[in-house]
Amino acid sequence: MDESLTTYDKLNEDIQFTEEETKELLSLNEKEILVLILSEMKKQTALLSKVKQKI
């Protein structure tokens, strides 16, 4: 279980926004936010798949 926490921590470190990016995110409507979330989830799933293949 420690491995999954370490993987999550590494991913979480990459999710940081500048002030400008934060302002842009706050201006998005609901559909744009959902598309962004789904896109990021797809990227993270692909990343996790690569990590699991290495184990």
C-alpha atoms as a PDB file:
ATOM      1  CA  MET A   1       0.000   0.000   0.000  1.00  0.00           C
ATOM      2  CA  ASP A   2       2.931   2.337   0.558  1.00  0.00           C
ATOM      3  CA  GLU A   3       3.730   2.070  -3.145  1.00  0.00           C
ATOM      4  CA  SER A   4       0.335   3.439  -4.192  1.00  0.00           C
ATOM      5  CA  LEU A   5       0.688   6.321  -1.724  1.00  0.00           C
ATOM      6  CA  THR A   6       4.118   7.129  -3.121  1.00  0.00           C
ATOM      7  CA  THR A   7       2.733   7.079  -6.662  1.00  0.00           C
ATOM      8  CA  TYR A   8      -0.150   9.320  -5.618  1.00  0.00           C
ATOM      9  CA  ASP A   9       2.224  11.739  -3.893  1.00  0.00           C
ATOM     10  CA  LYS A  10       4.347  11.989  -7.047  1.00  0.00           C
ATOM     11  CA  LEU A  11       1.265  12.719  -9.158  1.00  0.00           C
ATOM     12  CA  ASN A  12      -0.048  15.199  -6.608  1.00  0.00           C
ATOM     13  CA  GLU A  13       3.220  17.160  -6.731  1.00  0.00           C
ATOM     14  CA  ASP A  14       2.680  17.727 -10.452  1.00  0.00           C
ATOM     15  CA  ILE A  15      -0.750  19.273  -9.887  1.00  0.00           C
ATOM     16  CA  GLN A  16       0.220  22.831  -9.037  1.00  0.00           C
ATOM     17  CA  PHE A  17      -1.089  25.961 -10.717  1.00  0.00           C
ATOM     18  CA  THR A  18       0.266  29.456 -11.164  1.00  0.00           C
ATOM     19  CA  GLU A  19      -1.939  32.419 -10.279  1.00  0.00           C
ATOM     20  CA  GLU A  20      -2.705  32.969 -13.978  1.00  0.00           C
ATOM     21  CA  GLU A  21      -3.656  29.302 -14.491  1.00  0.00           C
ATOM     22  CA  THR A  22      -5.884  29.441 -11.418  1.00  0.00           C
ATOM     23  CA  LYS A  23      -7.715  32.498 -12.786  1.00  0.00           C
ATOM     24  CA  GLU A  24      -8.212  30.716 -16.113  1.00  0.00           C
ATOM     25  CA  LEU A  25      -9.580  27.629 -14.376  1.00  0.00           C
ATOM     26  CA  LEU A  26     -12.004  29.731 -12.340  1.00  0.00           C
ATOM     27  CA  SER A  27     -13.424  31.252 -15.524  1.00  0.00           C
ATOM     28  CA  LEU A  28     -14.361  27.863 -17.065  1.00  0.00           C
ATOM     29  CA  ASN A  29     -17.959  26.724 -17.261  1.00  0.00           C
ATOM     30  CA  GLU A  30     -19.187  23.367 -15.943  1.00  0.00           C
ATOM     31  CA  LYS A  31     -18.810  21.446 -19.219  1.00  0.00           C
ATOM     32  CA  GLU A  32     -15.284  22.765 -19.772  1.00  0.00           C
ATOM     33  CA  ILE A  33     -14.321  21.729 -16.252  1.00  0.00           C
ATOM     34  CA  LEU A  34     -15.723  18.221 -16.766  1.00  0.00           C
ATOM     35  CA  VAL A  35     -13.825  17.816 -20.047  1.00  0.00           C
ATOM     36  CA  LEU A  36     -10.633  19.006 -18.349  1.00  0.00           C
ATOM     37  CA  ILE A  37     -11.112  16.573 -15.461  1.00  0.00           C
ATOM     38  CA  LEU A  38     -11.783  13.644 -17.788  1.00  0.00           C
ATOM     39  CA  SER A  39      -8.757  14.530 -19.896  1.00  0.00           C
ATOM     40  CA  GLU A  40      -6.520  14.639 -16.824  1.00  0.00           C
ATOM     41  CA  MET A  41      -7.968  11.374 -15.528  1.00  0.00           C
ATOM     42  CA  LYS A  42      -7.127   9.727 -18.852  1.00  0.00           C
ATOM     43  CA  LYS A  43      -3.532  11.005 -18.634  1.00  0.00           C
ATOM     44  CA  GLN A  44      -3.162   9.827 -15.033  1.00  0.00           C
ATOM     45  CA  THR A  45      -4.601   6.404 -15.886  1.00  0.00           C
ATOM     46  CA  ALA A  46      -2.061   6.038 -18.682  1.00  0.00           C
ATOM     47  CA  LEU A  47       0.724   7.092 -16.308  1.00  0.00           C
ATOM     48  CA  LEU A  48      -0.372   4.622 -13.650  1.00  0.00           C
ATOM     49  CA  SER A  49      -0.557   1.843 -16.245  1.00  0.00           C
ATOM     50  CA  LYS A  50       3.068   2.512 -17.176  1.00  0.00           C
ATOM     51  CA  VAL A  51       4.088   2.439 -13.502  1.00  0.00           C
ATOM     52  CA  LYS A  52       2.263  -0.834 -12.911  1.00  0.00           C
ATOM     53  CA  GLN A  53       3.925  -2.399 -15.965  1.00  0.00           C
ATOM     54  CA  LYS A  54       7.342  -1.622 -14.465  1.00  0.00           C
ATOM     55  CA  ILE A  55       6.464  -3.412 -11.216  1.00  0.00           C
END
